[in-house]
Amino acid sequence: MKKTIITVVGKDTVGIIARVCTYLANNRVNILDISQTIVQDYFNMMMIVDANKSEKKFSQLADELAELGETIGVQIKMQSEDIFKAMHRI
């Protein structure tokens, strides 16, 4: 299974988690792990997901999540676990 990392960052507002999770469920993306926090008025969420059962390509999911983020006022990024690890290695 190839894991994917999704990050969501922005000003906190009602419904961020619901909108992102609804999109993922509708596209057969399984959430394996999730962590979210709010620091003052800023929302930060990181998810590890399995998108192997989705009928959409990785790039389409990533683009649609980015568009969703713009709609709800947050930044959403989707990266493969391998790239995420490489970028965050010290």
N, C-alpha and C. Protein backbone atom coordinates (compact mmCIF):
# COMPACT_ATOMS: atom_id res chain seq x y z
N MET A 1 0.83 -1.18 0.00
CA MET A 1 0.00 0.00 0.00
C MET A 1 0.88 1.24 0.00
N LYS A 2 0.61 2.14 -0.92
CA LYS A 2 1.29 3.43 -0.96
C LYS A 2 0.51 4.41 -0.10
N LYS A 3 1.17 4.99 0.86
CA LYS A 3 0.51 5.97 1.72
C LYS A 3 0.70 7.37 1.15
N THR A 4 -0.26 8.22 1.47
CA THR A 4 -0.25 9.60 1.00
C THR A 4 -0.44 10.51 2.21
N ILE A 5 0.25 11.65 2.19
CA ILE A 5 0.14 12.63 3.27
C ILE A 5 -0.67 13.82 2.77
N ILE A 6 -1.67 14.21 3.55
CA ILE A 6 -2.46 15.39 3.24
C ILE A 6 -2.30 16.36 4.40
N THR A 7 -1.95 17.62 4.07
CA THR A 7 -1.86 18.65 5.10
C THR A 7 -2.87 19.75 4.79
N VAL A 8 -3.46 20.27 5.86
CA VAL A 8 -4.46 21.33 5.74
C VAL A 8 -4.08 22.42 6.75
N VAL A 9 -3.85 23.64 6.25
CA VAL A 9 -3.42 24.74 7.11
C VAL A 9 -4.19 26.00 6.74
N GLY A 10 -4.64 26.74 7.75
CA GLY A 10 -5.29 28.01 7.49
C GLY A 10 -6.04 28.53 8.69
N LYS A 11 -6.72 29.62 8.49
CA LYS A 11 -7.55 30.23 9.55
C LYS A 11 -8.68 29.26 9.90
N ASP A 12 -8.90 29.07 11.20
CA ASP A 12 -9.92 28.12 11.64
C ASP A 12 -11.32 28.63 11.30
N THR A 13 -12.15 27.72 10.85
CA THR A 13 -13.54 28.01 10.58
C THR A 13 -14.35 26.73 10.73
N VAL A 14 -15.63 26.86 10.88
CA VAL A 14 -16.52 25.70 11.04
C VAL A 14 -16.53 24.86 9.76
N GLY A 15 -16.40 23.55 9.90
CA GLY A 15 -16.61 22.63 8.79
C GLY A 15 -15.41 22.20 8.00
N ILE A 16 -14.20 22.62 8.37
CA ILE A 16 -13.01 22.23 7.59
C ILE A 16 -12.87 20.72 7.56
N ILE A 17 -12.87 20.09 8.72
CA ILE A 17 -12.69 18.64 8.78
C ILE A 17 -13.82 17.93 8.04
N ALA A 18 -15.03 18.38 8.23
CA ALA A 18 -16.18 17.75 7.57
C ALA A 18 -16.05 17.83 6.05
N ARG A 19 -15.68 18.98 5.53
CA ARG A 19 -15.58 19.13 4.06
C ARG A 19 -14.47 18.25 3.48
N VAL A 20 -13.31 18.24 4.14
CA VAL A 20 -12.18 17.43 3.64
C VAL A 20 -12.52 15.94 3.74
N CYS A 21 -13.04 15.51 4.87
CA CYS A 21 -13.36 14.09 5.06
C CYS A 21 -14.49 13.64 4.13
N THR A 22 -15.45 14.48 3.87
CA THR A 22 -16.53 14.14 2.94
C THR A 22 -15.96 13.95 1.54
N TYR A 23 -15.07 14.86 1.11
CA TYR A 23 -14.44 14.72 -0.20
C TYR A 23 -13.69 13.39 -0.29
N LEU A 24 -12.91 13.08 0.74
CA LEU A 24 -12.12 11.84 0.73
C LEU A 24 -13.03 10.62 0.67
N ALA A 25 -14.08 10.60 1.48
CA ALA A 25 -15.01 9.47 1.49
C ALA A 25 -15.69 9.30 0.14
N ASN A 26 -16.11 10.40 -0.47
CA ASN A 26 -16.76 10.34 -1.77
C ASN A 26 -15.85 9.82 -2.87
N ASN A 27 -14.54 9.90 -2.65
CA ASN A 27 -13.57 9.46 -3.64
C ASN A 27 -12.82 8.21 -3.22
N ARG A 28 -13.39 7.49 -2.25
CA ARG A 28 -12.87 6.19 -1.79
C ARG A 28 -11.43 6.27 -1.30
N VAL A 29 -11.12 7.36 -0.61
CA VAL A 29 -9.80 7.53 0.00
C VAL A 29 -9.97 7.24 1.50
N ASN A 30 -9.22 6.26 1.99
CA ASN A 30 -9.34 5.81 3.37
C ASN A 30 -8.37 6.57 4.28
N ILE A 31 -8.87 7.13 5.36
CA ILE A 31 -8.03 7.82 6.34
C ILE A 31 -7.44 6.78 7.28
N LEU A 32 -6.11 6.71 7.31
CA LEU A 32 -5.40 5.75 8.17
C LEU A 32 -5.05 6.37 9.52
N ASP A 33 -4.70 7.65 9.50
CA ASP A 33 -4.34 8.35 10.73
C ASP A 33 -4.62 9.83 10.52
N ILE A 34 -4.97 10.52 11.59
CA ILE A 34 -5.30 11.93 11.48
C ILE A 34 -4.90 12.64 12.77
N SER A 35 -4.35 13.82 12.60
CA SER A 35 -4.00 14.66 13.74
C SER A 35 -4.37 16.08 13.38
N GLN A 36 -5.02 16.77 14.30
CA GLN A 36 -5.37 18.17 14.03
C GLN A 36 -5.21 18.97 15.31
N THR A 37 -4.85 20.22 15.11
CA THR A 37 -4.70 21.12 16.24
C THR A 37 -5.09 22.52 15.82
N ILE A 38 -5.46 23.32 16.80
CA ILE A 38 -5.75 24.72 16.57
C ILE A 38 -4.85 25.51 17.51
N VAL A 39 -4.04 26.38 16.94
CA VAL A 39 -3.17 27.25 17.71
C VAL A 39 -3.68 28.66 17.50
N GLN A 40 -4.18 29.26 18.58
CA GLN A 40 -4.90 30.52 18.53
C GLN A 40 -6.01 30.37 17.50
N ASP A 41 -5.98 31.09 16.40
CA ASP A 41 -7.06 31.00 15.40
C ASP A 41 -6.64 30.21 14.16
N TYR A 42 -5.54 29.47 14.24
CA TYR A 42 -5.02 28.79 13.05
C TYR A 42 -5.18 27.28 13.17
N PHE A 43 -5.74 26.71 12.12
CA PHE A 43 -6.05 25.28 12.04
C PHE A 43 -4.92 24.57 11.32
N ASN A 44 -4.51 23.42 11.83
CA ASN A 44 -3.48 22.60 11.20
C ASN A 44 -3.89 21.14 11.31
N MET A 45 -3.95 20.45 10.18
CA MET A 45 -4.32 19.03 10.19
C MET A 45 -3.37 18.27 9.27
N MET A 46 -2.99 17.10 9.73
CA MET A 46 -2.17 16.19 8.92
C MET A 46 -2.87 14.84 8.90
N MET A 47 -3.00 14.28 7.70
CA MET A 47 -3.65 12.98 7.55
C MET A 47 -2.72 12.05 6.78
N ILE A 48 -2.75 10.79 7.16
CA ILE A 48 -2.11 9.75 6.36
C ILE A 48 -3.26 8.94 5.78
N VAL A 49 -3.28 8.83 4.46
CA VAL A 49 -4.40 8.18 3.79
C VAL A 49 -3.92 7.13 2.80
N ASP A 50 -4.85 6.27 2.43
CA ASP A 50 -4.64 5.27 1.39
C ASP A 50 -5.60 5.60 0.25
N ALA A 51 -5.05 6.02 -0.88
CA ALA A 51 -5.88 6.43 -2.02
C ALA A 51 -5.91 5.36 -3.11
N ASN A 52 -5.46 4.16 -2.82
CA ASN A 52 -5.36 3.11 -3.84
C ASN A 52 -6.71 2.69 -4.42
N LYS A 53 -7.79 2.84 -3.68
CA LYS A 53 -9.09 2.41 -4.19
C LYS A 53 -9.84 3.51 -4.93
N SER A 54 -9.28 4.70 -4.94
CA SER A 54 -9.92 5.80 -5.66
C SER A 54 -9.83 5.56 -7.16
N GLU A 55 -10.88 5.94 -7.87
CA GLU A 55 -10.87 5.81 -9.32
C GLU A 55 -10.12 6.97 -9.98
N LYS A 56 -9.83 8.01 -9.20
CA LYS A 56 -9.13 9.18 -9.74
C LYS A 56 -7.63 9.01 -9.59
N LYS A 57 -6.90 9.63 -10.50
CA LYS A 57 -5.44 9.63 -10.42
C LYS A 57 -5.00 10.54 -9.28
N PHE A 58 -3.80 10.28 -8.78
CA PHE A 58 -3.22 11.06 -7.69
C PHE A 58 -3.26 12.56 -8.01
N SER A 59 -2.84 12.92 -9.21
CA SER A 59 -2.78 14.34 -9.58
C SER A 59 -4.16 14.99 -9.57
N GLN A 60 -5.18 14.26 -9.97
CA GLN A 60 -6.53 14.81 -9.97
C GLN A 60 -7.02 15.02 -8.53
N LEU A 61 -6.77 14.04 -7.66
CA LEU A 61 -7.14 14.19 -6.26
C LEU A 61 -6.44 15.40 -5.64
N ALA A 62 -5.13 15.52 -5.91
CA ALA A 62 -4.36 16.64 -5.35
C ALA A 62 -4.90 17.98 -5.83
N ASP A 63 -5.21 18.07 -7.13
CA ASP A 63 -5.74 19.32 -7.69
C ASP A 63 -7.10 19.66 -7.10
N GLU A 64 -7.96 18.66 -6.99
CA GLU A 64 -9.31 18.89 -6.45
C GLU A 64 -9.26 19.27 -4.97
N LEU A 65 -8.34 18.66 -4.22
CA LEU A 65 -8.19 19.04 -2.81
C LEU A 65 -7.69 20.48 -2.69
N ALA A 66 -6.75 20.86 -3.54
CA ALA A 66 -6.26 22.25 -3.53
C ALA A 66 -7.40 23.22 -3.84
N GLU A 67 -8.25 22.86 -4.81
CA GLU A 67 -9.41 23.70 -5.15
C GLU A 67 -10.38 23.77 -3.98
N LEU A 68 -10.61 22.65 -3.32
CA LEU A 68 -11.49 22.63 -2.15
C LEU A 68 -10.93 23.57 -1.08
N GLY A 69 -9.62 23.51 -0.88
CA GLY A 69 -8.98 24.38 0.10
C GLY A 69 -9.22 25.85 -0.20
N GLU A 70 -9.11 26.22 -1.46
CA GLU A 70 -9.37 27.61 -1.86
C GLU A 70 -10.81 27.99 -1.54
N THR A 71 -11.72 27.06 -1.78
CA THR A 71 -13.14 27.32 -1.52
C THR A 71 -13.41 27.56 -0.04
N ILE A 72 -12.75 26.82 0.83
CA ILE A 72 -13.03 26.95 2.27
C ILE A 72 -12.00 27.81 3.00
N GLY A 73 -11.04 28.38 2.28
CA GLY A 73 -10.10 29.33 2.87
C GLY A 73 -8.91 28.74 3.58
N VAL A 74 -8.49 27.54 3.17
CA VAL A 74 -7.29 26.91 3.73
C VAL A 74 -6.41 26.41 2.59
N GLN A 75 -5.20 26.03 2.93
CA GLN A 75 -4.30 25.46 1.94
C GLN A 75 -4.25 23.95 2.17
N ILE A 76 -4.55 23.18 1.12
CA ILE A 76 -4.51 21.72 1.22
C ILE A 76 -3.47 21.20 0.24
N LYS A 77 -2.53 20.40 0.77
CA LYS A 77 -1.50 19.79 -0.07
C LYS A 77 -1.55 18.28 0.10
N MET A 78 -1.34 17.59 -1.00
CA MET A 78 -1.32 16.12 -1.00
C MET A 78 0.01 15.69 -1.60
N GLN A 79 0.74 14.84 -0.86
CA GLN A 79 2.04 14.36 -1.32
C GLN A 79 2.16 12.87 -1.05
N SER A 80 2.94 12.20 -1.90
CA SER A 80 3.19 10.79 -1.61
C SER A 80 4.07 10.71 -0.36
N GLU A 81 3.95 9.64 0.38
CA GLU A 81 4.72 9.47 1.61
C GLU A 81 6.22 9.54 1.33
N ASP A 82 6.66 8.96 0.22
CA ASP A 82 8.09 8.96 -0.11
C ASP A 82 8.62 10.38 -0.29
N ILE A 83 7.88 11.22 -1.00
CA ILE A 83 8.30 12.60 -1.22
C ILE A 83 8.25 13.37 0.10
N PHE A 84 7.22 13.16 0.88
CA PHE A 84 7.08 13.83 2.17
C PHE A 84 8.28 13.50 3.06
N LYS A 85 8.64 12.23 3.13
CA LYS A 85 9.78 11.82 3.96
C LYS A 85 11.08 12.44 3.46
N ALA A 86 11.27 12.45 2.15
CA ALA A 86 12.49 13.02 1.58
C ALA A 86 12.60 14.51 1.88
N MET A 87 11.49 15.21 1.83
CA MET A 87 11.48 16.65 2.06
C MET A 87 11.72 16.98 3.54
N HIS A 88 11.37 16.09 4.44
CA HIS A 88 11.46 16.37 5.86
C HIS A 88 12.58 15.60 6.56
N ARG A 89 13.50 15.09 5.78
CA ARG A 89 14.63 14.37 6.35
C ARG A 89 15.72 15.37 6.70
N ILE A 90 16.34 15.17 7.84
CA ILE A 90 17.42 16.08 8.26
C ILE A 90 18.75 15.47 7.93
